Amino acid sequence: MTTLTNDEILSLSAVELGKKIKAGELSSVEAVTAYLDRADAIEKDVNAYITLDREEALKKAEEADAKIASGELTGPLAGVPVAIKANMCIEGHLASCASHILDNFYPTYTSTAVEKLLAAGAVNLGSTNMDEFAMGSTTETSYFGATHNPWDTGRVPGGSSGGSAAAVAADECAAALGSDTGGSIRQPASFCGVTGIKPTYGRVSRYGLIAYGSSLDQIGPLGKDVTDCATILEIISGKDPKDSTSVEGENDFTSALINDVKGMKIGVPRDYFLEGIDDDVKKAVLGAADRLRSLGAEVEEFDLGMVEYAIPAYYIIACAEASSNLERFDGVKYGYRTKTYDDLHEMYKKTRSEGFGAEVKRRIMLGSFVLSSGYYDAYYVKALRVKALIKEAFDKAFAKYDVILGPVAPTTALKCGESLSDPIKMYLGDIYTVAVNLAGLPGISLPCGYDKDGLPIGLQLLGQTFDEKKIIRAAYTFEQAFKAEVRKPDISKIIASGNINKSLNGAASATGVN
């Protein structure tokens, strides 16, 4: 049907691809085949997927083509190949959370966000790799081996949604879903040079998302541009009776794709640029602020405050919630169970010892400690008070500014293995993202420049709760001004490089890709 080459198909954004499929210029089967062929060529080096099912994806693509032809499917993403992070349930599909303890878990239900995306006609290619139970910032703690950054396979893609970000960057899917507990969409989007949105807490149902920190987790899109992300967010958002924390609200996000920031007030926190940030990152982010100023926005610096308290407060709260949420994985009802044991207590102990990785165990122990009777008030309650103060600081800022602008991370993509030997360094890398989750705010990450090594740098735009439209508008305007400078990773180098060692942390070598 199509006269487009595979490279031309892969160069299209998800929305552009959907338009061509709807117009009959190519079929969903042809689009899915192009992405699967790309994955076949580079997965051995990128390892973005845990499971990748060619046969089922092609079957679903055929169904999508038939429904598009009959007029049953008319949405912007009908027939478009997407990928889903491995912590979202899909009926009958492995939902491992990249952990040994769930490497045989096949849910009997589907996440609401995924269900909405598939109902819109998107074709799921597979389950993307992640840090185990979303605990990490590099996608190196996965039981199924580390994911590698398509820009440089010796570097990490960020985490925990590193598989989704790497898959989008490497054209192994047109778009993907990730989850963000403390920056896990925005930071890998920054490291991989793609766009990602962390929605307001409650904007998207968490039903079917295997929980890490229930008061912090939020599902969101990763795409090739702002339009893709706004389109996906429009599809997956909304009230869900299965999730009491989800809310009603206007979700016409594509109407905010306006190339105009005249009169928009943008605040730049001085606190974000005082220390610990690479010069290249600082220059690129402040350059983005200057560009938005030249486009008509009112940009000024201000003191946000509370920045130094965000990391300790976040890790206390997140680990406390994780220790509670992960208590259910004990080998009794589902998941991995140790092979040999003498009694129930030993079965619990050996199952969890063998099933969880080192980083997950570290966070469970930290969470159990701060919730213990002798330390609950000293740590957990105090962290909750700091969380409230952080929200107050943002509320004060948003009384004056429409959008807050800053970096996503203090550095570009780190070299593989650097953070595994120094967990504190990995935690500090979340300095600019975790406060957003504590306050329940929406944020977007998009490319704004490149460092001296040619690695992408991300710009973060934050809005008040349920004010996604403002950050989408500001991001879209910047993107239109910057798009002539946007680059892509050189996939030919990956294909020519030969196989590399994907397992940096002793994880399983098999990925379940077929």
Protein backbone atom coordinates (compact mmCIF):
# COMPACT_ATOMS: atom_id res chain seq x y z
CA MET A 1 0.00 0.00 0.00
CA THR A 2 2.57 2.56 1.10
CA THR A 3 5.32 4.18 -0.92
CA LEU A 4 7.08 5.22 2.30
CA THR A 5 10.30 3.53 3.35
CA ASN A 6 10.70 2.15 6.87
CA ASP A 7 12.94 5.08 7.80
CA GLU A 8 10.30 7.53 6.59
CA ILE A 9 7.62 5.73 8.63
CA LEU A 10 9.80 5.77 11.73
CA SER A 11 10.54 9.48 11.33
CA LEU A 12 6.87 10.37 11.77
CA SER A 13 5.43 11.38 15.12
CA ALA A 14 2.59 9.27 16.52
CA VAL A 15 -0.03 11.81 15.46
CA GLU A 16 1.50 12.21 11.98
CA LEU A 17 1.56 8.44 11.60
CA GLY A 18 -2.08 8.20 12.71
CA LYS A 19 -3.11 10.75 10.07
CA LYS A 20 -1.41 8.80 7.28
CA ILE A 21 -2.97 5.52 8.43
CA LYS A 22 -6.40 7.14 8.58
CA ALA A 23 -5.90 8.67 5.13
CA GLY A 24 -5.00 5.27 3.69
CA GLU A 25 -1.44 6.26 2.79
CA LEU A 26 -0.15 3.26 4.74
CA SER A 27 -1.65 0.55 6.90
CA SER A 28 -1.29 -0.14 10.60
CA VAL A 29 0.28 -3.49 9.69
CA GLU A 30 2.98 -1.70 7.67
CA ALA A 31 3.63 0.75 10.51
CA VAL A 32 3.79 -1.99 13.13
CA THR A 33 6.09 -4.06 10.92
CA ALA A 34 8.48 -1.11 10.52
CA TYR A 35 8.74 -0.65 14.28
CA LEU A 36 9.11 -4.36 14.96
CA ASP A 37 11.88 -4.58 12.36
CA ARG A 38 13.70 -1.70 14.06
CA ALA A 39 13.37 -3.45 17.43
CA ASP A 40 14.72 -6.69 15.93
CA ALA A 41 17.76 -4.78 14.67
CA ILE A 42 18.75 -3.00 17.88
CA GLU A 43 17.10 -4.65 20.90
CA LYS A 44 20.20 -6.69 21.67
CA ASP A 45 21.99 -3.41 22.41
CA VAL A 46 19.24 -1.17 23.78
CA ASN A 47 17.12 -3.72 25.72
CA ALA A 48 14.14 -1.36 25.90
CA TYR A 49 11.61 -4.21 26.07
CA ILE A 50 10.99 -7.04 28.50
CA THR A 51 8.41 -8.64 26.20
CA LEU A 52 7.84 -7.92 22.53
CA ASP A 53 5.19 -9.96 20.74
CA ARG A 54 5.34 -9.68 16.94
CA GLU A 55 2.52 -12.13 16.24
CA GLU A 56 -0.07 -10.51 18.50
CA ALA A 57 0.93 -6.95 17.51
CA LEU A 58 0.45 -7.76 13.83
CA LYS A 59 -2.91 -9.40 14.60
CA LYS A 60 -4.07 -6.28 16.47
CA ALA A 61 -2.80 -4.10 13.62
CA GLU A 62 -4.91 -6.08 11.14
CA GLU A 63 -7.94 -5.57 13.40
CA ALA A 64 -7.20 -1.85 13.61
CA ASP A 65 -6.97 -1.57 9.83
CA ALA A 66 -10.36 -3.25 9.46
CA LYS A 67 -11.97 -0.97 12.06
CA ILE A 68 -10.44 2.14 10.47
CA ALA A 69 -11.76 1.06 7.06
CA SER A 70 -15.25 0.50 8.49
CA GLY A 71 -15.27 3.85 10.27
CA GLU A 72 -15.37 2.27 13.73
CA LEU A 73 -12.00 3.78 14.67
CA THR A 74 -11.55 7.48 13.91
CA GLY A 75 -9.23 8.72 16.65
CA PRO A 76 -5.80 10.29 16.12
CA LEU A 77 -3.87 7.22 17.32
CA ALA A 78 -5.85 4.49 15.58
CA GLY A 79 -3.42 1.86 14.29
CA VAL A 80 -0.37 3.55 15.84
CA PRO A 81 2.26 1.28 17.52
CA VAL A 82 2.83 2.04 21.21
CA ALA A 83 4.54 0.41 24.18
CA ILE A 84 3.52 0.04 27.83
CA LYS A 85 5.74 0.18 30.92
CA ALA A 86 6.01 -3.17 32.70
CA ASN A 87 4.24 -2.00 35.87
CA MET A 88 0.86 -1.61 34.15
CA CYS A 89 -1.47 -4.58 34.04
CA ILE A 90 -2.75 -5.92 30.72
CA GLU A 91 -5.01 -8.96 30.89
CA GLY A 92 -3.11 -12.10 29.96
CA HIS A 93 0.23 -10.31 29.52
CA LEU A 94 3.27 -10.44 31.76
CA ALA A 95 3.33 -7.54 34.25
CA SER A 96 6.65 -8.17 35.95
CA CYS A 97 7.60 -4.70 37.23
CA ALA A 98 11.05 -5.85 36.04
CA SER A 99 11.28 -8.01 39.18
CA HIS A 100 12.02 -11.68 39.73
CA ILE A 101 9.19 -11.82 42.27
CA LEU A 102 6.62 -11.07 39.53
CA ASP A 103 8.31 -12.73 36.56
CA ASN A 104 5.39 -15.18 36.26
CA PHE A 105 2.51 -12.76 36.95
CA TYR A 106 -0.14 -12.53 34.23
CA PRO A 107 -2.99 -10.21 35.35
CA THR A 108 -6.67 -10.99 34.84
CA TYR A 109 -7.54 -7.33 34.23
CA THR A 110 -6.22 -4.28 32.36
CA SER A 111 -5.09 -0.91 33.67
CA THR A 112 -7.66 1.82 32.96
CA ALA A 113 -5.10 4.07 31.23
CA VAL A 114 -3.94 1.21 28.99
CA GLU A 115 -7.53 0.16 28.31
CA LYS A 116 -8.38 3.69 27.13
CA LEU A 117 -5.33 3.86 24.88
CA LEU A 118 -6.05 0.49 23.29
CA ALA A 119 -9.74 1.34 22.91
CA ALA A 120 -8.62 4.39 20.89
CA GLY A 121 -7.03 1.97 18.43
CA ALA A 122 -3.38 2.08 19.47
CA VAL A 123 -1.49 -1.19 18.94
CA ASN A 124 0.62 -2.40 21.88
CA LEU A 125 4.00 -3.80 20.82
CA GLY A 126 5.10 -4.97 24.23
CA SER A 127 6.16 -4.33 27.80
CA THR A 128 9.04 -1.89 28.32
CA ASN A 129 11.90 -2.33 30.73
CA MET A 130 12.14 -0.32 33.95
CA ASP A 131 13.91 -0.12 37.28
CA GLU A 132 12.58 -2.89 39.49
CA PHE A 133 9.24 -1.75 40.96
CA ALA A 134 10.11 1.72 39.58
CA MET A 135 12.82 2.09 42.23
CA GLY A 136 15.76 3.76 40.53
CA SER A 137 16.75 6.54 38.19
CA THR A 138 18.72 4.62 35.58
CA THR A 139 16.80 1.45 34.51
CA GLU A 140 19.76 -0.61 35.69
CA THR A 141 18.02 -2.37 38.59
CA SER A 142 15.79 -4.46 36.30
CA TYR A 143 15.88 -8.22 36.78
CA PHE A 144 15.85 -8.48 32.98
CA GLY A 145 19.07 -6.54 32.49
CA ALA A 146 19.84 -2.85 32.09
CA THR A 147 18.41 -0.69 29.33
CA HIS A 148 20.90 1.43 27.37
CA ASN A 149 20.55 4.94 26.02
CA PRO A 150 20.18 5.01 22.21
CA TRP A 151 22.31 8.18 22.08
CA ASP A 152 25.25 6.31 23.62
CA THR A 153 24.84 2.68 24.68
CA GLY A 154 27.52 3.17 27.31
CA ARG A 155 25.13 5.49 29.17
CA VAL A 156 21.87 5.02 31.05
CA PRO A 157 18.49 6.09 29.65
CA GLY A 158 17.33 7.38 33.02
CA GLY A 159 14.59 5.79 35.04
CA SER A 160 12.42 4.32 36.08
CA SER A 161 10.60 4.61 32.73
CA GLY A 162 13.91 4.21 30.88
CA GLY A 163 12.62 1.42 28.66
CA SER A 164 9.70 3.53 27.44
CA ALA A 165 11.92 6.58 26.83
CA ALA A 166 14.61 4.55 25.06
CA ALA A 167 12.02 2.80 22.89
CA VAL A 168 10.58 6.13 21.73
CA ALA A 169 14.03 7.66 21.16
CA ALA A 170 15.24 4.63 19.18
CA ASP A 171 12.03 4.44 17.09
CA GLU A 172 11.07 1.08 18.59
CA CYS A 173 7.57 2.48 19.15
CA ALA A 174 5.80 5.68 18.15
CA ALA A 175 4.90 6.57 21.75
CA ALA A 176 4.74 4.91 25.16
CA LEU A 177 3.19 5.04 28.61
CA GLY A 178 5.38 5.49 31.67
CA SER A 179 4.80 6.20 35.32
CA ASP A 180 6.25 9.02 37.42
CA THR A 181 6.71 8.73 41.18
CA GLY A 182 9.56 11.20 41.60
CA GLY A 183 10.57 12.10 38.06
CA SER A 184 10.41 8.71 36.35
CA ILE A 185 8.85 10.06 33.15
CA ARG A 186 10.55 13.45 32.97
CA GLN A 187 14.12 12.39 33.77
CA PRO A 188 14.38 9.56 31.19
CA ALA A 189 12.67 11.84 28.65
CA SER A 190 15.47 14.34 29.32
CA PHE A 191 18.25 11.74 29.06
CA CYS A 192 16.82 10.25 25.85
CA GLY A 193 15.88 13.49 24.08
CA VAL A 194 12.13 12.83 23.93
CA THR A 195 9.09 14.52 25.48
CA GLY A 196 7.21 13.32 28.56
CA ILE A 197 4.35 14.61 30.71
CA LYS A 198 3.80 13.89 34.38
CA PRO A 199 0.11 14.83 34.87
CA THR A 200 -1.46 16.33 37.98
CA TYR A 201 -2.03 13.67 40.63
CA GLY A 202 -5.53 12.32 40.01
CA ARG A 203 -5.67 13.38 36.36
CA VAL A 204 -5.10 9.78 35.17
CA SER A 205 -6.48 6.69 36.89
CA ARG A 206 -3.93 4.58 38.73
CA TYR A 207 -6.13 1.48 38.56
CA GLY A 208 -4.00 -1.37 37.25
CA LEU A 209 -0.70 0.41 37.97
CA ILE A 210 1.30 -1.77 40.35
CA ALA A 211 1.97 0.68 43.16
CA TYR A 212 5.30 2.01 44.41
CA GLY A 213 4.22 5.17 46.30
CA SER A 214 0.45 5.48 46.12
CA SER A 215 0.29 9.19 46.98
CA LEU A 216 2.97 10.01 44.39
CA ASP A 217 2.53 7.65 41.41
CA GLN A 218 1.01 8.97 38.21
CA ILE A 219 0.78 7.47 34.70
CA GLY A 220 1.75 9.69 31.79
CA PRO A 221 2.86 9.67 28.14
CA LEU A 222 6.26 9.71 26.46
CA GLY A 223 6.32 10.79 22.82
CA LYS A 224 8.38 12.28 20.04
CA ASP A 225 6.93 15.74 20.58
CA VAL A 226 4.49 17.81 22.64
CA THR A 227 1.58 17.08 20.29
CA ASP A 228 1.96 13.32 20.78
CA CYS A 229 2.00 13.68 24.56
CA ALA A 230 -0.97 16.07 24.68
CA THR A 231 -2.95 13.72 22.44
CA ILE A 232 -2.24 10.67 24.57
CA LEU A 233 -2.97 12.54 27.80
CA GLU A 234 -6.33 13.58 26.36
CA ILE A 235 -7.15 9.92 25.72
CA ILE A 236 -6.07 8.42 29.06
CA SER A 237 -7.21 11.10 31.51
CA GLY A 238 -10.53 11.33 33.34
CA LYS A 239 -12.49 10.10 36.34
CA ASP A 240 -12.44 6.35 36.96
CA PRO A 241 -14.85 4.71 39.45
CA LYS A 242 -12.14 2.11 40.10
CA ASP A 243 -9.75 4.79 41.43
CA SER A 244 -11.12 7.07 44.15
CA THR A 245 -8.18 9.47 43.74
CA SER A 246 -9.01 10.18 40.10
CA VAL A 247 -10.97 13.33 39.32
CA GLU A 248 -13.36 14.82 36.80
CA GLY A 249 -12.03 17.70 34.75
CA GLU A 250 -11.59 19.28 31.36
CA ASN A 251 -9.22 17.21 29.26
CA ASP A 252 -9.13 18.97 25.90
CA PHE A 253 -5.35 19.21 26.00
CA THR A 254 -4.77 19.40 22.26
CA SER A 255 -6.57 22.77 22.24
CA ALA A 256 -3.53 24.09 24.16
CA LEU A 257 -1.19 23.40 21.22
CA ILE A 258 -0.89 27.11 20.50
CA ASN A 259 2.32 28.72 19.28
CA ASP A 260 2.06 31.81 21.46
CA VAL A 261 3.35 32.74 24.92
CA LYS A 262 2.84 36.49 24.73
CA GLY A 263 2.00 37.78 28.17
CA MET A 264 2.62 34.43 29.88
CA LYS A 265 4.47 34.85 33.19
CA ILE A 266 7.28 32.37 33.68
CA GLY A 267 9.24 32.05 36.91
CA VAL A 268 12.77 30.65 37.07
CA PRO A 269 13.81 29.47 40.57
CA ARG A 270 17.28 30.75 41.52
CA ASP A 271 17.56 27.78 43.88
CA TYR A 272 17.84 25.39 40.93
CA PHE A 273 21.03 26.96 39.58
CA LEU A 274 23.13 27.62 42.69
CA GLU A 275 25.20 24.43 42.89
CA GLY A 276 25.48 20.85 41.63
CA ILE A 277 24.27 21.58 38.11
CA ASP A 278 26.49 21.02 35.06
CA ASP A 279 27.46 24.15 33.16
CA ASP A 280 26.11 22.75 29.88
CA VAL A 281 22.72 22.03 31.48
CA LYS A 282 22.56 25.44 33.15
CA LYS A 283 23.44 27.21 29.90
CA ALA A 284 20.85 25.29 27.86
CA VAL A 285 18.00 25.76 30.34
CA LEU A 286 18.65 29.46 30.87
CA GLY A 287 18.97 29.77 27.10
CA ALA A 288 15.49 28.25 26.79
CA ALA A 289 14.21 30.86 29.24
CA ASP A 290 15.75 33.60 27.11
CA ARG A 291 14.15 32.15 23.99
CA LEU A 292 10.71 32.14 25.60
CA ARG A 293 11.32 35.74 26.68
CA SER A 294 12.14 36.66 23.09
CA LEU A 295 8.84 35.05 22.04
CA GLY A 296 6.87 37.37 24.30
CA ALA A 297 6.78 35.68 27.70
CA GLU A 298 7.54 37.62 30.86
CA VAL A 299 10.44 35.72 32.46
CA GLU A 300 11.95 36.50 35.84
CA GLU A 301 13.96 34.79 38.54
CA PHE A 302 12.58 34.18 42.03
CA ASP A 303 13.34 32.27 45.22
CA LEU A 304 11.23 29.12 45.46
CA GLY A 305 12.54 27.83 48.77
CA MET A 306 12.29 24.35 50.33
CA VAL A 307 14.39 22.84 47.52
CA GLU A 308 16.96 21.32 49.89
CA TYR A 309 14.23 19.48 51.80
CA ALA A 310 12.59 17.82 48.79
CA ILE A 311 14.94 14.82 48.49
CA PRO A 312 14.83 13.68 52.15
CA ALA A 313 11.08 14.25 52.43
CA TYR A 314 10.42 12.39 49.19
CA TYR A 315 12.52 9.34 50.00
CA ILE A 316 11.04 9.01 53.48
CA ILE A 317 7.46 9.16 52.16
CA ALA A 318 8.07 7.08 49.03
CA CYS A 319 9.94 4.34 50.90
CA ALA A 320 7.33 4.25 53.66
CA GLU A 321 4.61 3.71 51.08
CA ALA A 322 6.73 1.19 49.19
CA SER A 323 7.29 -0.92 52.32
CA SER A 324 3.52 -1.11 52.74
CA ASN A 325 2.66 -1.67 49.07
CA LEU A 326 5.26 -4.39 48.55
CA GLU A 327 4.20 -6.29 51.66
CA ARG A 328 1.70 -8.24 49.52
CA PHE A 329 4.46 -9.93 47.49
CA ASP A 330 5.13 -12.86 49.79
CA GLY A 331 4.82 -15.95 47.61
CA VAL A 332 1.35 -16.90 48.85
CA LYS A 333 -1.23 -15.77 46.27
CA TYR A 334 0.79 -14.99 43.13
CA GLY A 335 4.26 -14.33 41.84
CA TYR A 336 7.49 -16.13 42.63
CA ARG A 337 7.74 -18.59 45.51
CA THR A 338 11.01 -20.06 46.77
CA LYS A 339 11.50 -23.72 45.93
CA THR A 340 12.58 -25.10 49.31
CA TYR A 341 11.37 -24.12 52.79
CA ASP A 342 10.44 -25.78 56.07
CA ASP A 343 7.66 -23.54 57.33
CA LEU A 344 5.57 -20.48 56.41
CA HIS A 345 7.94 -17.97 58.01
CA GLU A 346 10.92 -19.37 56.11
CA MET A 347 8.89 -19.33 52.88
CA TYR A 348 8.14 -15.61 53.35
CA LYS A 349 11.74 -14.81 54.16
CA LYS A 350 13.35 -16.80 51.34
CA THR A 351 10.78 -15.72 48.74
CA ARG A 352 11.29 -12.04 49.42
CA SER A 353 15.07 -12.39 49.79
CA GLU A 354 15.35 -14.20 46.46
CA GLY A 355 12.61 -12.31 44.65
CA PHE A 356 13.53 -8.68 45.36
CA GLY A 357 16.67 -6.94 44.11
CA ALA A 358 19.11 -4.92 46.24
CA GLU A 359 17.59 -1.48 45.60
CA VAL A 360 14.06 -2.66 46.39
CA LYS A 361 15.26 -4.28 49.62
CA ARG A 362 17.06 -1.07 50.56
CA ARG A 363 13.90 1.02 50.15
CA ILE A 364 11.67 -1.50 51.93
CA MET A 365 14.03 -1.49 54.91
CA LEU A 366 14.24 2.32 54.95
CA GLY A 367 10.45 2.55 54.75
CA SER A 368 9.93 0.02 57.53
CA PHE A 369 12.41 1.92 59.68
CA VAL A 370 10.71 5.33 59.33
CA LEU A 371 7.31 3.76 60.05
CA SER A 372 8.49 1.92 63.16
CA SER A 373 7.06 3.04 66.50
CA GLY A 374 10.22 4.72 67.71
CA TYR A 375 10.81 6.77 64.55
CA TYR A 376 7.36 7.42 63.05
CA ASP A 377 7.02 10.93 64.49
CA ALA A 378 10.68 11.82 64.05
CA TYR A 379 10.81 10.94 60.34
CA TYR A 380 7.53 10.10 58.62
CA VAL A 381 5.30 12.70 60.27
CA LYS A 382 7.98 15.35 59.84
CA ALA A 383 8.30 14.46 56.14
CA LEU A 384 4.55 14.89 55.71
CA ARG A 385 4.81 18.37 57.24
CA VAL A 386 7.63 19.24 54.84
CA LYS A 387 5.48 17.97 51.97
CA ALA A 388 2.76 20.44 52.98
CA LEU A 389 5.32 23.27 53.16
CA ILE A 390 6.61 22.41 49.68
CA LYS A 391 3.06 22.61 48.32
CA GLU A 392 2.64 26.00 50.03
CA ALA A 393 5.86 27.26 48.40
CA PHE A 394 4.57 26.24 44.97
CA ASP A 395 1.14 27.76 45.65
CA LYS A 396 2.82 31.04 46.52
CA ALA A 397 4.86 30.92 43.30
CA PHE A 398 1.84 30.11 41.14
CA ALA A 399 -0.05 33.03 42.57
CA LYS A 400 2.43 35.12 40.58
CA TYR A 401 3.53 32.90 37.68
CA ASP A 402 1.69 30.82 35.08
CA VAL A 403 4.58 28.40 34.61
CA ILE A 404 7.80 27.56 36.46
CA LEU A 405 10.83 26.77 34.30
CA GLY A 406 13.90 24.80 35.29
CA PRO A 407 16.15 21.83 34.52
CA VAL A 408 14.97 18.23 34.68
CA ALA A 409 18.23 16.84 36.03
CA PRO A 410 21.55 18.38 37.09
CA THR A 411 23.45 16.35 34.46
CA THR A 412 22.95 14.64 31.14
CA ALA A 413 22.85 10.83 30.90
CA LEU A 414 25.31 9.17 33.28
CA LYS A 415 27.68 6.39 32.30
CA CYS A 416 26.40 2.89 32.99
CA GLY A 417 27.25 1.62 36.46
CA GLU A 418 28.04 5.02 38.03
CA SER A 419 24.92 5.18 40.20
CA LEU A 420 24.78 1.53 41.20
CA SER A 421 27.88 1.90 43.36
CA ASP A 422 26.62 5.14 44.94
CA PRO A 423 22.85 5.12 45.64
CA ILE A 424 22.98 8.54 47.32
CA LYS A 425 24.31 10.06 44.09
CA MET A 426 21.37 8.49 42.25
CA TYR A 427 18.89 9.91 44.77
CA LEU A 428 20.38 13.42 44.53
CA GLY A 429 19.89 13.29 40.76
CA ASP A 430 16.15 13.66 41.44
CA ILE A 431 16.58 17.09 43.06
CA TYR A 432 14.51 18.97 40.43
CA THR A 433 11.73 16.42 39.97
CA VAL A 434 10.62 14.94 43.31
CA ALA A 435 9.05 18.12 44.70
CA VAL A 436 6.57 18.09 41.81
CA ASN A 437 5.24 14.70 42.94
CA LEU A 438 5.13 15.76 46.57
CA ALA A 439 2.97 18.74 45.55
CA GLY A 440 0.90 16.74 43.02
CA LEU A 441 1.72 19.17 40.20
CA PRO A 442 1.89 18.61 36.43
CA GLY A 443 5.23 18.83 34.65
CA ILE A 444 6.60 18.35 31.16
CA SER A 445 10.11 17.56 29.94
CA LEU A 446 11.24 18.34 26.40
CA PRO A 447 14.61 18.76 24.66
CA CYS A 448 16.24 22.20 24.89
CA GLY A 449 19.86 21.61 23.91
CA TYR A 450 22.86 19.31 23.93
CA ASP A 451 25.99 19.03 26.05
CA LYS A 452 29.59 18.98 24.81
CA ASP A 453 29.30 15.24 24.13
CA GLY A 454 26.17 15.70 22.03
CA LEU A 455 23.83 14.25 24.66
CA PRO A 456 20.34 15.77 25.00
CA ILE A 457 19.39 18.19 27.78
CA GLY A 458 15.82 18.44 29.04
CA LEU A 459 13.78 21.53 29.90
CA GLN A 460 11.17 21.16 32.65
CA LEU A 461 8.02 23.30 32.74
CA LEU A 462 5.74 23.07 35.79
CA GLY A 463 2.17 24.21 36.29
CA GLN A 464 -0.33 24.57 39.09
CA THR A 465 -2.55 21.56 39.80
CA PHE A 466 -4.82 20.71 36.84
CA ASP A 467 -3.16 23.43 34.76
CA GLU A 468 -1.67 21.11 32.14
CA LYS A 469 -2.85 23.39 29.35
CA LYS A 470 -0.47 26.17 30.33
CA ILE A 471 2.61 23.96 30.38
CA ILE A 472 1.56 22.32 27.10
CA ARG A 473 1.15 25.74 25.49
CA ALA A 474 4.53 26.98 26.74
CA ALA A 475 6.22 23.71 25.75
CA TYR A 476 4.66 23.69 22.28
CA THR A 477 5.73 27.29 21.67
CA PHE A 478 9.30 26.54 22.70
CA GLU A 479 9.32 23.34 20.64
CA GLN A 480 8.26 25.19 17.48
CA ALA A 481 11.13 27.65 17.96
CA PHE A 482 13.65 24.91 18.79
CA LYS A 483 12.58 22.16 16.35
CA ALA A 484 15.14 23.10 13.69
CA GLU A 485 17.85 22.20 16.24
CA VAL A 486 16.31 18.89 17.38
CA ARG A 487 18.52 15.88 16.67
CA LYS A 488 18.06 12.11 16.75
CA PRO A 489 20.34 9.36 18.08
CA ASP A 490 22.43 7.71 15.38
CA ILE A 491 20.84 4.27 15.27
CA SER A 492 23.24 3.11 12.55
CA LYS A 493 26.03 3.19 15.14
CA ILE A 494 24.07 0.86 17.39
CA ILE A 495 23.34 -1.56 14.58
CA ALA A 496 27.01 -1.56 13.56
CA SER A 497 28.34 -1.89 17.11
CA GLY A 498 27.51 -5.55 17.65
CA ASN A 499 26.13 -6.99 20.84
CA ILE A 500 27.11 -5.42 24.16
CA ASN A 501 26.77 -6.71 27.69
CA LYS A 502 23.33 -5.62 28.83
CA SER A 503 23.49 -7.16 32.29
CA LEU A 504 25.50 -4.80 34.50
CA ASN A 505 23.96 -5.89 37.78
CA GLY A 506 23.80 -9.64 37.57
CA ALA A 507 20.24 -9.64 36.26
CA ALA A 508 18.77 -12.36 34.10
CA SER A 509 20.04 -12.37 30.54
CA ALA A 510 16.75 -13.53 28.99
CA THR A 511 14.29 -10.77 28.16
CA GLY A 512 11.34 -12.71 26.83
CA VAL A 513 11.57 -10.91 23.48
CA ASN A 514 10.34 -13.00 20.57
